Amino acid sequence: MNKKIFLVLDILWMGFIFYLSNQPADISSDQSGELIKMLSNLPIIGNVIDYMMKIDIAQFIVRKSAHMFAYFLLFILMFMYAYKNNKGVKKSYFIGFVATFLYACTDEIHQLFIEGRSGEIRDILVDSTGALIGMVLVSIILKIKKRV
């Protein structure tokens, strides 16, 4: 893939994250609630979701998982953009992680200005965990690719 495509994908994904973060708390909670309803209808997963609802942690887990996934994907896109710009693997890991971390920080600052939302260091840690999972996945894929 062309390096410009990864730049466009990075910008689009960051825009999507910004869009989600720009929603007031009640709309964000409604979206999480809809996802929980959808998941509760699935076999096996539905039982787990029902249990999590009983102990009042379903929404927390769904929301934090969404954070992790968003920044997992952002790291991969940032890594690919750096890598396609001939930065080398190690430098691309660094650039990808730092860019993702800084975007997570700005996202939490942004949420300070949204009705009912708050900026939380905990969310930056969750987002960074998503980026680290992305880093591990990229590392595994590159090692497999190197052996083939």
C-alpha atoms as a PDB file:
ATOM      1  CA  MET A   1       0.000   0.000   0.000  1.00  0.00           C
ATOM      2  CA  ASN A   2       1.059   3.525  -0.719  1.00  0.00           C
ATOM      3  CA  LYS A   3       2.265   5.568   2.267  1.00  0.00           C
ATOM      4  CA  LYS A   4      -0.247   8.343   1.474  1.00  0.00           C
ATOM      5  CA  ILE A   5      -3.087   5.870   1.996  1.00  0.00           C
ATOM      6  CA  PHE A   6      -1.881   5.254   5.562  1.00  0.00           C
ATOM      7  CA  LEU A   7      -1.726   8.987   6.196  1.00  0.00           C
ATOM      8  CA  VAL A   8      -5.321   9.332   4.997  1.00  0.00           C
ATOM      9  CA  LEU A   9      -6.396   6.327   7.096  1.00  0.00           C
ATOM     10  CA  ASP A  10      -4.648   7.836  10.155  1.00  0.00           C
ATOM     11  CA  ILE A  11      -6.459  11.132   9.697  1.00  0.00           C
ATOM     12  CA  LEU A  12      -9.827   9.467   9.087  1.00  0.00           C
ATOM     13  CA  TRP A  13      -9.455   7.231  12.155  1.00  0.00           C
ATOM     14  CA  MET A  14      -8.389  10.153  14.347  1.00  0.00           C
ATOM     15  CA  GLY A  15     -11.414  12.044  13.016  1.00  0.00           C
ATOM     16  CA  PHE A  16     -13.663   9.130  13.969  1.00  0.00           C
ATOM     17  CA  ILE A  17     -12.193   9.044  17.482  1.00  0.00           C
ATOM     18  CA  PHE A  18     -12.690  12.815  17.728  1.00  0.00           C
ATOM     19  CA  TYR A  19     -16.307  12.437  16.575  1.00  0.00           C
ATOM     20  CA  LEU A  20     -17.018   9.830  19.256  1.00  0.00           C
ATOM     21  CA  SER A  21     -15.274  11.898  21.935  1.00  0.00           C
ATOM     22  CA  ASN A  22     -17.217  14.972  20.925  1.00  0.00           C
ATOM     23  CA  GLN A  23     -20.549  13.396  21.869  1.00  0.00           C
ATOM     24  CA  PRO A  24     -22.153  14.339  25.177  1.00  0.00           C
ATOM     25  CA  ALA A  25     -22.084  11.694  27.906  1.00  0.00           C
ATOM     26  CA  ASP A  26     -25.741  10.683  27.518  1.00  0.00           C
ATOM     27  CA  ILE A  27     -25.349   9.906  23.806  1.00  0.00           C
ATOM     28  CA  SER A  28     -22.122   7.981  24.452  1.00  0.00           C
ATOM     29  CA  SER A  29     -23.852   5.970  27.209  1.00  0.00           C
ATOM     30  CA  ASP A  30     -26.790   5.208  24.914  1.00  0.00           C
ATOM     31  CA  GLN A  31     -24.388   3.851  22.280  1.00  0.00           C
ATOM     32  CA  SER A  32     -22.703   1.622  24.843  1.00  0.00           C
ATOM     33  CA  GLY A  33     -26.112   0.446  26.008  1.00  0.00           C
ATOM     34  CA  GLU A  34     -27.121  -0.487  22.457  1.00  0.00           C
ATOM     35  CA  LEU A  35     -23.936  -2.506  22.013  1.00  0.00           C
ATOM     36  CA  ILE A  36     -24.558  -4.274  25.314  1.00  0.00           C
ATOM     37  CA  LYS A  37     -28.113  -5.171  24.191  1.00  0.00           C
ATOM     38  CA  MET A  38     -26.760  -6.530  20.916  1.00  0.00           C
ATOM     39  CA  LEU A  39     -24.051  -8.581  22.657  1.00  0.00           C
ATOM     40  CA  SER A  40     -26.501  -9.951  25.218  1.00  0.00           C
ATOM     41  CA  ASN A  41     -28.410 -11.670  22.401  1.00  0.00           C
ATOM     42  CA  LEU A  42     -25.365 -13.691  21.304  1.00  0.00           C
ATOM     43  CA  PRO A  43     -24.909 -17.286  22.471  1.00  0.00           C
ATOM     44  CA  ILE A  44     -22.463 -17.717  25.394  1.00  0.00           C
ATOM     45  CA  ILE A  45     -21.380 -14.051  25.252  1.00  0.00           C
ATOM     46  CA  GLY A  46     -24.939 -13.104  26.192  1.00  0.00           C
ATOM     47  CA  ASN A  47     -24.638 -15.049  29.438  1.00  0.00           C
ATOM     48  CA  VAL A  48     -21.407 -13.264  30.286  1.00  0.00           C
ATOM     49  CA  ILE A  49     -22.959  -9.870  29.461  1.00  0.00           C
ATOM     50  CA  ASP A  50     -26.015 -10.680  31.592  1.00  0.00           C
ATOM     51  CA  TYR A  51     -23.754 -11.542  34.522  1.00  0.00           C
ATOM     52  CA  MET A  52     -21.729  -8.362  34.028  1.00  0.00           C
ATOM     53  CA  MET A  53     -24.995  -6.395  34.008  1.00  0.00           C
ATOM     54  CA  LYS A  54     -25.980  -7.949  37.334  1.00  0.00           C
ATOM     55  CA  ILE A  55     -22.725  -6.879  38.952  1.00  0.00           C
ATOM     56  CA  ASP A  56     -22.892  -3.488  37.206  1.00  0.00           C
ATOM     57  CA  ILE A  57     -19.659  -3.577  35.201  1.00  0.00           C
ATOM     58  CA  ALA A  58     -20.886  -4.288  31.655  1.00  0.00           C
ATOM     59  CA  GLN A  59     -20.922  -0.663  30.530  1.00  0.00           C
ATOM     60  CA  PHE A  60     -17.484  -0.008  32.028  1.00  0.00           C
ATOM     61  CA  ILE A  61     -15.943  -3.006  30.255  1.00  0.00           C
ATOM     62  CA  VAL A  62     -17.617  -2.222  26.923  1.00  0.00           C
ATOM     63  CA  ARG A  63     -16.493   1.418  27.052  1.00  0.00           C
ATOM     64  CA  LYS A  64     -12.901   0.612  28.004  1.00  0.00           C
ATOM     65  CA  SER A  65     -12.725  -2.151  25.385  1.00  0.00           C
ATOM     66  CA  ALA A  66     -13.841   0.387  22.790  1.00  0.00           C
ATOM     67  CA  HIS A  67     -11.057   2.724  23.941  1.00  0.00           C
ATOM     68  CA  MET A  68      -8.506  -0.071  23.653  1.00  0.00           C
ATOM     69  CA  PHE A  69      -9.672  -1.103  20.199  1.00  0.00           C
ATOM     70  CA  ALA A  70      -9.690   2.468  18.880  1.00  0.00           C
ATOM     71  CA  TYR A  71      -6.109   3.074  19.968  1.00  0.00           C
ATOM     72  CA  PHE A  72      -4.986  -0.455  19.009  1.00  0.00           C
ATOM     73  CA  LEU A  73      -6.019   0.347  15.445  1.00  0.00           C
ATOM     74  CA  LEU A  74      -4.604   3.877  15.594  1.00  0.00           C
ATOM     75  CA  PHE A  75      -1.208   2.487  16.629  1.00  0.00           C
ATOM     76  CA  ILE A  76      -1.215   0.021  13.724  1.00  0.00           C
ATOM     77  CA  LEU A  77      -2.071   2.787  11.256  1.00  0.00           C
ATOM     78  CA  MET A  78       0.568   5.121  12.731  1.00  0.00           C
ATOM     79  CA  PHE A  79       3.159   2.333  12.670  1.00  0.00           C
ATOM     80  CA  MET A  80       2.368   1.518   9.040  1.00  0.00           C
ATOM     81  CA  TYR A  81       2.639   5.158   8.011  1.00  0.00           C
ATOM     82  CA  ALA A  82       6.054   5.489   9.665  1.00  0.00           C
ATOM     83  CA  TYR A  83       7.200   2.114   8.335  1.00  0.00           C
ATOM     84  CA  LYS A  84       6.125   2.965   4.775  1.00  0.00           C
ATOM     85  CA  ASN A  85       8.169   6.163   5.106  1.00  0.00           C
ATOM     86  CA  ASN A  86      11.309   4.019   5.558  1.00  0.00           C
ATOM     87  CA  LYS A  87      11.731   4.771   9.255  1.00  0.00           C
ATOM     88  CA  GLY A  88      12.727   1.191  10.099  1.00  0.00           C
ATOM     89  CA  VAL A  89      10.900  -1.137  12.442  1.00  0.00           C
ATOM     90  CA  LYS A  90      12.200   0.171  15.783  1.00  0.00           C
ATOM     91  CA  LYS A  91      11.726   3.815  14.879  1.00  0.00           C
ATOM     92  CA  SER A  92       8.254   3.023  13.510  1.00  0.00           C
ATOM     93  CA  TYR A  93       7.309   1.371  16.820  1.00  0.00           C
ATOM     94  CA  PHE A  94       8.482   4.483  18.650  1.00  0.00           C
ATOM     95  CA  ILE A  95       6.756   6.932  16.308  1.00  0.00           C
ATOM     96  CA  GLY A  96       3.550   4.880  16.298  1.00  0.00           C
ATOM     97  CA  PHE A  97       3.401   4.602  20.067  1.00  0.00           C
ATOM     98  CA  VAL A  98       4.316   8.211  20.835  1.00  0.00           C
ATOM     99  CA  ALA A  99       1.866   9.564  18.243  1.00  0.00           C
ATOM    100  CA  THR A 100      -0.901   7.329  19.607  1.00  0.00           C
ATOM    101  CA  PHE A 101      -0.116   8.289  23.205  1.00  0.00           C
ATOM    102  CA  LEU A 102      -0.100  12.008  22.385  1.00  0.00           C
ATOM    103  CA  TYR A 103      -3.399  11.703  20.528  1.00  0.00           C
ATOM    104  CA  ALA A 104      -4.883   9.921  23.559  1.00  0.00           C
ATOM    105  CA  CYS A 105      -3.709  12.823  25.746  1.00  0.00           C
ATOM    106  CA  THR A 106      -5.254  15.434  23.448  1.00  0.00           C
ATOM    107  CA  ASP A 107      -8.454  13.387  23.258  1.00  0.00           C
ATOM    108  CA  GLU A 108      -8.806  13.429  27.044  1.00  0.00           C
ATOM    109  CA  ILE A 109      -8.163  17.183  27.135  1.00  0.00           C
ATOM    110  CA  HIS A 110     -10.803  17.602  24.423  1.00  0.00           C
ATOM    111  CA  GLN A 111     -13.336  15.685  26.532  1.00  0.00           C
ATOM    112  CA  LEU A 112     -12.940  18.235  29.346  1.00  0.00           C
ATOM    113  CA  PHE A 113     -14.968  20.610  27.155  1.00  0.00           C
ATOM    114  CA  ILE A 114     -17.793  18.177  26.311  1.00  0.00           C
ATOM    115  CA  GLU A 115     -21.015  18.118  28.327  1.00  0.00           C
ATOM    116  CA  GLY A 116     -20.992  15.362  30.934  1.00  0.00           C
ATOM    117  CA  ARG A 117     -17.575  14.054  29.864  1.00  0.00           C
ATOM    118  CA  SER A 118     -14.270  14.208  31.688  1.00  0.00           C
ATOM    119  CA  GLY A 119     -10.654  13.799  30.781  1.00  0.00           C
ATOM    120  CA  GLU A 120      -9.110  10.943  32.721  1.00  0.00           C
ATOM    121  CA  ILE A 121      -5.552   9.723  33.045  1.00  0.00           C
ATOM    122  CA  ARG A 122      -7.001   6.222  33.443  1.00  0.00           C
ATOM    123  CA  ASP A 123      -8.346   6.446  29.888  1.00  0.00           C
ATOM    124  CA  ILE A 124      -4.927   7.467  28.585  1.00  0.00           C
ATOM    125  CA  LEU A 125      -3.557   4.311  30.229  1.00  0.00           C
ATOM    126  CA  VAL A 126      -6.327   2.207  28.671  1.00  0.00           C
ATOM    127  CA  ASP A 127      -5.665   3.787  25.261  1.00  0.00           C
ATOM    128  CA  SER A 128      -1.924   3.188  25.645  1.00  0.00           C
ATOM    129  CA  THR A 129      -2.623  -0.437  26.534  1.00  0.00           C
ATOM    130  CA  GLY A 130      -4.494  -0.744  23.243  1.00  0.00           C
ATOM    131  CA  ALA A 131      -1.443   0.702  21.473  1.00  0.00           C
ATOM    132  CA  LEU A 132       0.840  -1.784  23.272  1.00  0.00           C
ATOM    133  CA  ILE A 133      -1.396  -4.674  22.197  1.00  0.00           C
ATOM    134  CA  GLY A 134      -1.144  -3.340  18.649  1.00  0.00           C
ATOM    135  CA  MET A 135       2.642  -3.241  19.008  1.00  0.00           C
ATOM    136  CA  VAL A 136       2.711  -6.870  20.164  1.00  0.00           C
ATOM    137  CA  LEU A 137       0.484  -7.950  17.267  1.00  0.00           C
ATOM    138  CA  VAL A 138       2.636  -6.105  14.714  1.00  0.00           C
ATOM    139  CA  SER A 139       5.751  -7.673  16.243  1.00  0.00           C
ATOM    140  CA  ILE A 140       4.265 -11.172  15.977  1.00  0.00           C
ATOM    141  CA  ILE A 141       3.183 -10.596  12.376  1.00  0.00           C
ATOM    142  CA  LEU A 142       6.624  -9.287  11.403  1.00  0.00           C
ATOM    143  CA  LYS A 143       8.329 -12.281  13.024  1.00  0.00           C
ATOM    144  CA  ILE A 144       6.026 -14.709  11.208  1.00  0.00           C
ATOM    145  CA  LYS A 145       6.541 -12.834   7.942  1.00  0.00           C
ATOM    146  CA  LYS A 146      10.324 -12.952   8.413  1.00  0.00           C
ATOM    147  CA  ARG A 147      10.248 -16.767   8.795  1.00  0.00           C
ATOM    148  CA  VAL A 148       8.212 -17.303   5.631  1.00  0.00           C
END
